[in-house]
Amino acid sequence: MFAAMLPLLLAQHGNTIWYVLPLAAAISLVYSASRYELTERIVRRASRLFCMIVGFMGAVLIVLWGLSATI
């Protein structure tokens, strides 16, 4: 029953996947700022962590998409 309602729910709420990017940026900045004091190092580590978070979530998305396509 939930699978039949899923397209309707997605159509009502739009594409909320884009909220992941600012959320990942905020998480990486706060985490890096709590670990380091130099601004240059904070920005460098935050950008690296942001790429790692987005890359990991992209990998999970591809794996789940592949699994759902084969079923």
PDB file of N, CA and C in Angstrom:
ATOM      1  N   MET A   1       0.820  -1.187   0.000  1.00  0.00           N
ATOM      2  CA  MET A   1       0.000   0.000   0.000  1.00  0.00           C
ATOM      3  C   MET A   1       0.867   1.255   0.000  1.00  0.00           C
ATOM      4  N   PHE A   2       1.958   1.216   0.784  1.00  0.00           N
ATOM      5  CA  PHE A   2       2.837   2.372   0.837  1.00  0.00           C
ATOM      6  C   PHE A   2       3.507   2.617  -0.509  1.00  0.00           C
ATOM      7  N   ALA A   3       3.850   1.562  -1.224  1.00  0.00           N
ATOM      8  CA  ALA A   3       4.498   1.710  -2.528  1.00  0.00           C
ATOM      9  C   ALA A   3       3.583   2.398  -3.529  1.00  0.00           C
ATOM     10  N   ALA A   4       2.284   2.193  -3.405  1.00  0.00           N
ATOM     11  CA  ALA A   4       1.342   2.840  -4.303  1.00  0.00           C
ATOM     12  C   ALA A   4       1.204   4.334  -3.982  1.00  0.00           C
ATOM     13  N   MET A   5       1.428   4.715  -2.731  1.00  0.00           N
ATOM     14  CA  MET A   5       1.295   6.112  -2.325  1.00  0.00           C
ATOM     15  C   MET A   5       2.591   6.896  -2.480  1.00  0.00           C
ATOM     16  N   LEU A   6       3.710   6.215  -2.672  1.00  0.00           N
ATOM     17  CA  LEU A   6       4.996   6.877  -2.725  1.00  0.00           C
ATOM     18  C   LEU A   6       5.097   7.934  -3.830  1.00  0.00           C
ATOM     19  N   PRO A   7       4.686   7.674  -5.078  1.00  0.00           N
ATOM     20  CA  PRO A   7       4.764   8.741  -6.086  1.00  0.00           C
ATOM     21  C   PRO A   7       3.926   9.966  -5.732  1.00  0.00           C
ATOM     22  N   LEU A   8       2.798   9.751  -5.098  1.00  0.00           N
ATOM     23  CA  LEU A   8       1.948  10.870  -4.690  1.00  0.00           C
ATOM     24  C   LEU A   8       2.624  11.697  -3.602  1.00  0.00           C
ATOM     25  N   LEU A   9       3.253  11.026  -2.650  1.00  0.00           N
ATOM     26  CA  LEU A   9       3.953  11.741  -1.588  1.00  0.00           C
ATOM     27  C   LEU A   9       5.139  12.530  -2.135  1.00  0.00           C
ATOM     28  N   LEU A  10       5.876  11.950  -3.059  1.00  0.00           N
ATOM     29  CA  LEU A  10       7.013  12.649  -3.641  1.00  0.00           C
ATOM     30  C   LEU A  10       6.577  13.847  -4.480  1.00  0.00           C
ATOM     31  N   ALA A  11       5.451  13.725  -5.158  1.00  0.00           N
ATOM     32  CA  ALA A  11       4.960  14.826  -5.980  1.00  0.00           C
ATOM     33  C   ALA A  11       4.498  15.999  -5.117  1.00  0.00           C
ATOM     34  N   GLN A  12       3.960  15.720  -3.956  1.00  0.00           N
ATOM     35  CA  GLN A  12       3.486  16.791  -3.086  1.00  0.00           C
ATOM     36  C   GLN A  12       4.624  17.559  -2.439  1.00  0.00           C
ATOM     37  N   HIS A  13       5.690  16.877  -2.100  1.00  0.00           N
ATOM     38  CA  HIS A  13       6.762  17.512  -1.346  1.00  0.00           C
ATOM     39  C   HIS A  13       7.920  17.982  -2.225  1.00  0.00           C
ATOM     40  N   GLY A  14       7.875  17.749  -3.492  1.00  0.00           N
ATOM     41  CA  GLY A  14       8.960  18.172  -4.363  1.00  0.00           C
ATOM     42  C   GLY A  14      10.190  17.308  -4.163  1.00  0.00           C
ATOM     43  N   ASN A  15      11.274  17.751  -4.689  1.00  0.00           N
ATOM     44  CA  ASN A  15      12.511  16.997  -4.582  1.00  0.00           C
ATOM     45  C   ASN A  15      13.292  17.485  -3.364  1.00  0.00           C
ATOM     46  N   THR A  16      13.135  16.811  -2.253  1.00  0.00           N
ATOM     47  CA  THR A  16      13.765  17.228  -1.002  1.00  0.00           C
ATOM     48  C   THR A  16      15.207  16.752  -0.887  1.00  0.00           C
ATOM     49  N   ILE A  17      15.707  16.050  -1.891  1.00  0.00           N
ATOM     50  CA  ILE A  17      17.089  15.574  -1.832  1.00  0.00           C
ATOM     51  C   ILE A  17      18.074  16.737  -1.824  1.00  0.00           C
ATOM     52  N   TRP A  18      17.673  17.901  -2.338  1.00  0.00           N
ATOM     53  CA  TRP A  18      18.571  19.048  -2.384  1.00  0.00           C
ATOM     54  C   TRP A  18      18.822  19.637  -1.007  1.00  0.00           C
ATOM     55  N   TYR A  19      18.046  19.282  -0.007  1.00  0.00           N
ATOM     56  CA  TYR A  19      18.311  19.737   1.357  1.00  0.00           C
ATOM     57  C   TYR A  19      19.544  19.062   1.945  1.00  0.00           C
ATOM     58  N   VAL A  20      19.987  17.990   1.321  1.00  0.00           N
ATOM     59  CA  VAL A  20      21.153  17.263   1.819  1.00  0.00           C
ATOM     60  C   VAL A  20      22.423  18.098   1.683  1.00  0.00           C
ATOM     61  N   LEU A  21      22.549  18.855   0.609  1.00  0.00           N
ATOM     62  CA  LEU A  21      23.780  19.612   0.372  1.00  0.00           C
ATOM     63  C   LEU A  21      24.033  20.691   1.427  1.00  0.00           C
ATOM     64  N   PRO A  22      23.070  21.569   1.740  1.00  0.00           N
ATOM     65  CA  PRO A  22      23.352  22.542   2.809  1.00  0.00           C
ATOM     66  C   PRO A  22      23.484  21.886   4.181  1.00  0.00           C
ATOM     67  N   LEU A  23      22.767  20.804   4.399  1.00  0.00           N
ATOM     68  CA  LEU A  23      22.876  20.100   5.670  1.00  0.00           C
ATOM     69  C   LEU A  23      24.268  19.496   5.837  1.00  0.00           C
ATOM     70  N   ALA A  24      24.789  18.882   4.786  1.00  0.00           N
ATOM     71  CA  ALA A  24      26.142  18.315   4.841  1.00  0.00           C
ATOM     72  C   ALA A  24      27.183  19.411   5.012  1.00  0.00           C
ATOM     73  N   ALA A  25      26.978  20.550   4.370  1.00  0.00           N
ATOM     74  CA  ALA A  25      27.912  21.670   4.520  1.00  0.00           C
ATOM     75  C   ALA A  25      27.906  22.200   5.953  1.00  0.00           C
ATOM     76  N   ALA A  26      26.728  22.337   6.529  1.00  0.00           N
ATOM     77  CA  ALA A  26      26.632  22.832   7.906  1.00  0.00           C
ATOM     78  C   ALA A  26      27.255  21.848   8.891  1.00  0.00           C
ATOM     79  N   ILE A  27      27.003  20.572   8.702  1.00  0.00           N
ATOM     80  CA  ILE A  27      27.567  19.553   9.595  1.00  0.00           C
ATOM     81  C   ILE A  27      29.081  19.564   9.509  1.00  0.00           C
ATOM     82  N   SER A  28      29.618  19.620   8.296  1.00  0.00           N
ATOM     83  CA  SER A  28      31.070  19.578   8.147  1.00  0.00           C
ATOM     84  C   SER A  28      31.724  20.840   8.702  1.00  0.00           C
ATOM     85  N   LEU A  29      31.091  22.004   8.530  1.00  0.00           N
ATOM     86  CA  LEU A  29      31.654  23.230   9.086  1.00  0.00           C
ATOM     87  C   LEU A  29      31.636  23.232  10.616  1.00  0.00           C
ATOM     88  N   VAL A  30      30.546  22.824  11.208  1.00  0.00           N
ATOM     89  CA  VAL A  30      30.456  22.810  12.675  1.00  0.00           C
ATOM     90  C   VAL A  30      31.416  21.790  13.259  1.00  0.00           C
ATOM     91  N   TYR A  31      31.496  20.619  12.645  1.00  0.00           N
ATOM     92  CA  TYR A  31      32.409  19.588  13.145  1.00  0.00           C
ATOM     93  C   TYR A  31      33.858  20.055  13.036  1.00  0.00           C
ATOM     94  N   SER A  32      34.220  20.633  11.895  1.00  0.00           N
ATOM     95  CA  SER A  32      35.593  21.092  11.705  1.00  0.00           C
ATOM     96  C   SER A  32      35.922  22.270  12.616  1.00  0.00           C
ATOM     97  N   ALA A  33      34.973  23.155  12.820  1.00  0.00           N
ATOM     98  CA  ALA A  33      35.214  24.303  13.698  1.00  0.00           C
ATOM     99  C   ALA A  33      35.371  23.880  15.152  1.00  0.00           C
ATOM    100  N   SER A  34      34.766  22.770  15.524  1.00  0.00           N
ATOM    101  CA  SER A  34      34.919  22.302  16.893  1.00  0.00           C
ATOM    102  C   SER A  34      36.235  21.562  17.106  1.00  0.00           C
ATOM    103  N   ARG A  35      36.891  21.179  16.012  1.00  0.00           N
ATOM    104  CA  ARG A  35      38.146  20.446  16.117  1.00  0.00           C
ATOM    105  C   ARG A  35      39.386  21.318  15.919  1.00  0.00           C
ATOM    106  N   TYR A  36      39.282  22.348  15.116  1.00  0.00           N
ATOM    107  CA  TYR A  36      40.444  23.162  14.742  1.00  0.00           C
ATOM    108  C   TYR A  36      40.178  24.635  15.041  1.00  0.00           C
ATOM    109  N   GLU A  37      41.258  25.421  15.135  1.00  0.00           N
ATOM    110  CA  GLU A  37      41.116  26.837  15.446  1.00  0.00           C
ATOM    111  C   GLU A  37      41.460  27.742  14.266  1.00  0.00           C
ATOM    112  N   LEU A  38      42.361  27.329  13.407  1.00  0.00           N
ATOM    113  CA  LEU A  38      42.757  28.156  12.266  1.00  0.00           C
ATOM    114  C   LEU A  38      41.681  28.121  11.188  1.00  0.00           C
ATOM    115  N   THR A  39      41.308  29.299  10.700  1.00  0.00           N
ATOM    116  CA  THR A  39      40.233  29.392   9.706  1.00  0.00           C
ATOM    117  C   THR A  39      40.573  28.641   8.435  1.00  0.00           C
ATOM    118  N   GLU A  40      41.814  28.757   8.008  1.00  0.00           N
ATOM    119  CA  GLU A  40      42.235  28.063   6.786  1.00  0.00           C
ATOM    120  C   GLU A  40      42.104  26.553   6.923  1.00  0.00           C
ATOM    121  N   ARG A  41      42.491  26.044   8.067  1.00  0.00           N
ATOM    122  CA  ARG A  41      42.397  24.603   8.302  1.00  0.00           C
ATOM    123  C   ARG A  41      40.941  24.150   8.438  1.00  0.00           C
ATOM    124  N   ILE A  42      40.114  24.981   9.060  1.00  0.00           N
ATOM    125  CA  ILE A  42      38.693  24.652   9.205  1.00  0.00           C
ATOM    126  C   ILE A  42      38.049  24.520   7.836  1.00  0.00           C
ATOM    127  N   VAL A  43      38.296  25.478   6.961  1.00  0.00           N
ATOM    128  CA  VAL A  43      37.686  25.456   5.627  1.00  0.00           C
ATOM    129  C   VAL A  43      38.195  24.266   4.823  1.00  0.00           C
ATOM    130  N   ARG A  44      39.490  23.992   4.911  1.00  0.00           N
ATOM    131  CA  ARG A  44      40.067  22.868   4.164  1.00  0.00           C
ATOM    132  C   ARG A  44      39.490  21.537   4.640  1.00  0.00           C
ATOM    133  N   ARG A  45      39.452  21.343   5.942  1.00  0.00           N
ATOM    134  CA  ARG A  45      38.908  20.089   6.487  1.00  0.00           C
ATOM    135  C   ARG A  45      37.397  19.982   6.272  1.00  0.00           C
ATOM    136  N   ALA A  46      36.688  21.098   6.355  1.00  0.00           N
ATOM    137  CA  ALA A  46      35.244  21.079   6.140  1.00  0.00           C
ATOM    138  C   ALA A  46      34.911  20.722   4.702  1.00  0.00           C
ATOM    139  N   SER A  47      35.671  21.262   3.759  1.00  0.00           N
ATOM    140  CA  SER A  47      35.404  20.915   2.355  1.00  0.00           C
ATOM    141  C   SER A  47      35.722  19.455   2.088  1.00  0.00           C
ATOM    142  N   ARG A  48      36.768  18.949   2.709  1.00  0.00           N
ATOM    143  CA  ARG A  48      37.107  17.519   2.552  1.00  0.00           C
ATOM    144  C   ARG A  48      36.016  16.631   3.152  1.00  0.00           C
ATOM    145  N   LEU A  49      35.552  16.984   4.347  1.00  0.00           N
ATOM    146  CA  LEU A  49      34.493  16.216   4.993  1.00  0.00           C
ATOM    147  C   LEU A  49      33.187  16.301   4.210  1.00  0.00           C
ATOM    148  N   PHE A  50      32.891  17.476   3.658  1.00  0.00           N
ATOM    149  CA  PHE A  50      31.694  17.640   2.827  1.00  0.00           C
ATOM    150  C   PHE A  50      31.739  16.697   1.631  1.00  0.00           C
ATOM    151  N   CYS A  51      32.885  16.648   0.967  1.00  0.00           N
ATOM    152  CA  CYS A  51      33.026  15.740  -0.182  1.00  0.00           C
ATOM    153  C   CYS A  51      32.890  14.278   0.234  1.00  0.00           C
ATOM    154  N   MET A  52      33.409  13.936   1.397  1.00  0.00           N
ATOM    155  CA  MET A  52      33.294  12.560   1.878  1.00  0.00           C
ATOM    156  C   MET A  52      31.835  12.209   2.185  1.00  0.00           C
ATOM    157  N   ILE A  53      31.121  13.117   2.822  1.00  0.00           N
ATOM    158  CA  ILE A  53      29.714  12.871   3.153  1.00  0.00           C
ATOM    159  C   ILE A  53      28.881  12.717   1.894  1.00  0.00           C
ATOM    160  N   VAL A  54      29.041  13.654   0.956  1.00  0.00           N
ATOM    161  CA  VAL A  54      28.263  13.605  -0.283  1.00  0.00           C
ATOM    162  C   VAL A  54      28.648  12.377  -1.113  1.00  0.00           C
ATOM    163  N   GLY A  55      29.928  12.055  -1.141  1.00  0.00           N
ATOM    164  CA  GLY A  55      30.370  10.867  -1.869  1.00  0.00           C
ATOM    165  C   GLY A  55      29.817   9.583  -1.291  1.00  0.00           C
ATOM    166  N   PHE A  56      29.821   9.470   0.034  1.00  0.00           N
ATOM    167  CA  PHE A  56      29.274   8.281   0.676  1.00  0.00           C
ATOM    168  C   PHE A  56      27.772   8.165   0.423  1.00  0.00           C
ATOM    169  N   MET A  57      27.064   9.277   0.536  1.00  0.00           N
ATOM    170  CA  MET A  57      25.624   9.228   0.293  1.00  0.00           C
ATOM    171  C   MET A  57      25.322   8.920  -1.173  1.00  0.00           C
ATOM    172  N   GLY A  58      26.156   9.425  -2.079  1.00  0.00           N
ATOM    173  CA  GLY A  58      25.992   9.098  -3.490  1.00  0.00           C
ATOM    174  C   GLY A  58      26.240   7.620  -3.755  1.00  0.00           C
ATOM    175  N   ALA A  59      27.246   7.049  -3.093  1.00  0.00           N
ATOM    176  CA  ALA A  59      27.524   5.620  -3.254  1.00  0.00           C
ATOM    177  C   ALA A  59      26.361   4.777  -2.738  1.00  0.00           C
ATOM    178  N   VAL A  60      25.815   5.166  -1.601  1.00  0.00           N
ATOM    179  CA  VAL A  60      24.661   4.442  -1.062  1.00  0.00           C
ATOM    180  C   VAL A  60      23.467   4.574  -2.000  1.00  0.00           C
ATOM    181  N   LEU A  61      23.273   5.755  -2.561  1.00  0.00           N
ATOM    182  CA  LEU A  61      22.179   5.963  -3.516  1.00  0.00           C
ATOM    183  C   LEU A  61      22.332   5.053  -4.727  1.00  0.00           C
ATOM    184  N   ILE A  62      23.536   4.951  -5.257  1.00  0.00           N
ATOM    185  CA  ILE A  62      23.768   4.103  -6.436  1.00  0.00           C
ATOM    186  C   ILE A  62      23.542   2.633  -6.103  1.00  0.00           C
ATOM    187  N   VAL A  63      24.007   2.193  -4.940  1.00  0.00           N
ATOM    188  CA  VAL A  63      23.804   0.796  -4.530  1.00  0.00           C
ATOM    189  C   VAL A  63      22.308   0.504  -4.371  1.00  0.00           C
ATOM    190  N   LEU A  64      21.583   1.384  -3.697  1.00  0.00           N
ATOM    191  CA  LEU A  64      20.152   1.163  -3.503  1.00  0.00           C
ATOM    192  C   LEU A  64      19.395   1.228  -4.804  1.00  0.00           C
ATOM    193  N   TRP A  65      19.789   2.144  -5.692  1.00  0.00           N
ATOM    194  CA  TRP A  65      19.150   2.240  -6.997  1.00  0.00           C
ATOM    195  C   TRP A  65      19.404   0.970  -7.810  1.00  0.00           C
ATOM    196  N   GLY A  66      20.622   0.464  -7.741  1.00  0.00           N
ATOM    197  CA  GLY A  66      20.946  -0.775  -8.449  1.00  0.00           C
ATOM    198  C   GLY A  66      20.168  -1.960  -7.908  1.00  0.00           C
ATOM    199  N   LEU A  67      20.033  -2.025  -6.593  1.00  0.00           N
ATOM    200  CA  LEU A  67      19.268  -3.112  -6.004  1.00  0.00           C
ATOM    201  C   LEU A  67      17.790  -3.023  -6.346  1.00  0.00           C
ATOM    202  N   SER A  68      17.246  -1.821  -6.385  1.00  0.00           N
ATOM    203  CA  SER A  68      15.827  -1.690  -6.711  1.00  0.00           C
ATOM    204  C   SER A  68      15.575  -1.930  -8.197  1.00  0.00           C
ATOM    205  N   ALA A  69      16.556  -1.672  -9.044  1.00  0.00           N
ATOM    206  CA  ALA A  69      16.379  -1.899 -10.476  1.00  0.00           C
ATOM    207  C   ALA A  69      16.424  -3.379 -10.814  1.00  0.00           C
ATOM    208  N   THR A  70      17.116  -4.178 -10.030  1.00  0.00           N
ATOM    209  CA  THR A  70      17.227  -5.605 -10.317  1.00  0.00           C
ATOM    210  C   THR A  70      16.050  -6.396  -9.783  1.00  0.00           C
ATOM    211  N   ILE A  71      15.290  -5.826  -8.879  1.00  0.00           N
ATOM    212  CA  ILE A  71      14.151  -6.557  -8.293  1.00  0.00           C
ATOM    213  C   ILE A  71      12.940  -6.457  -9.183  1.00  0.00           C
TER     214      ILE A  71
END
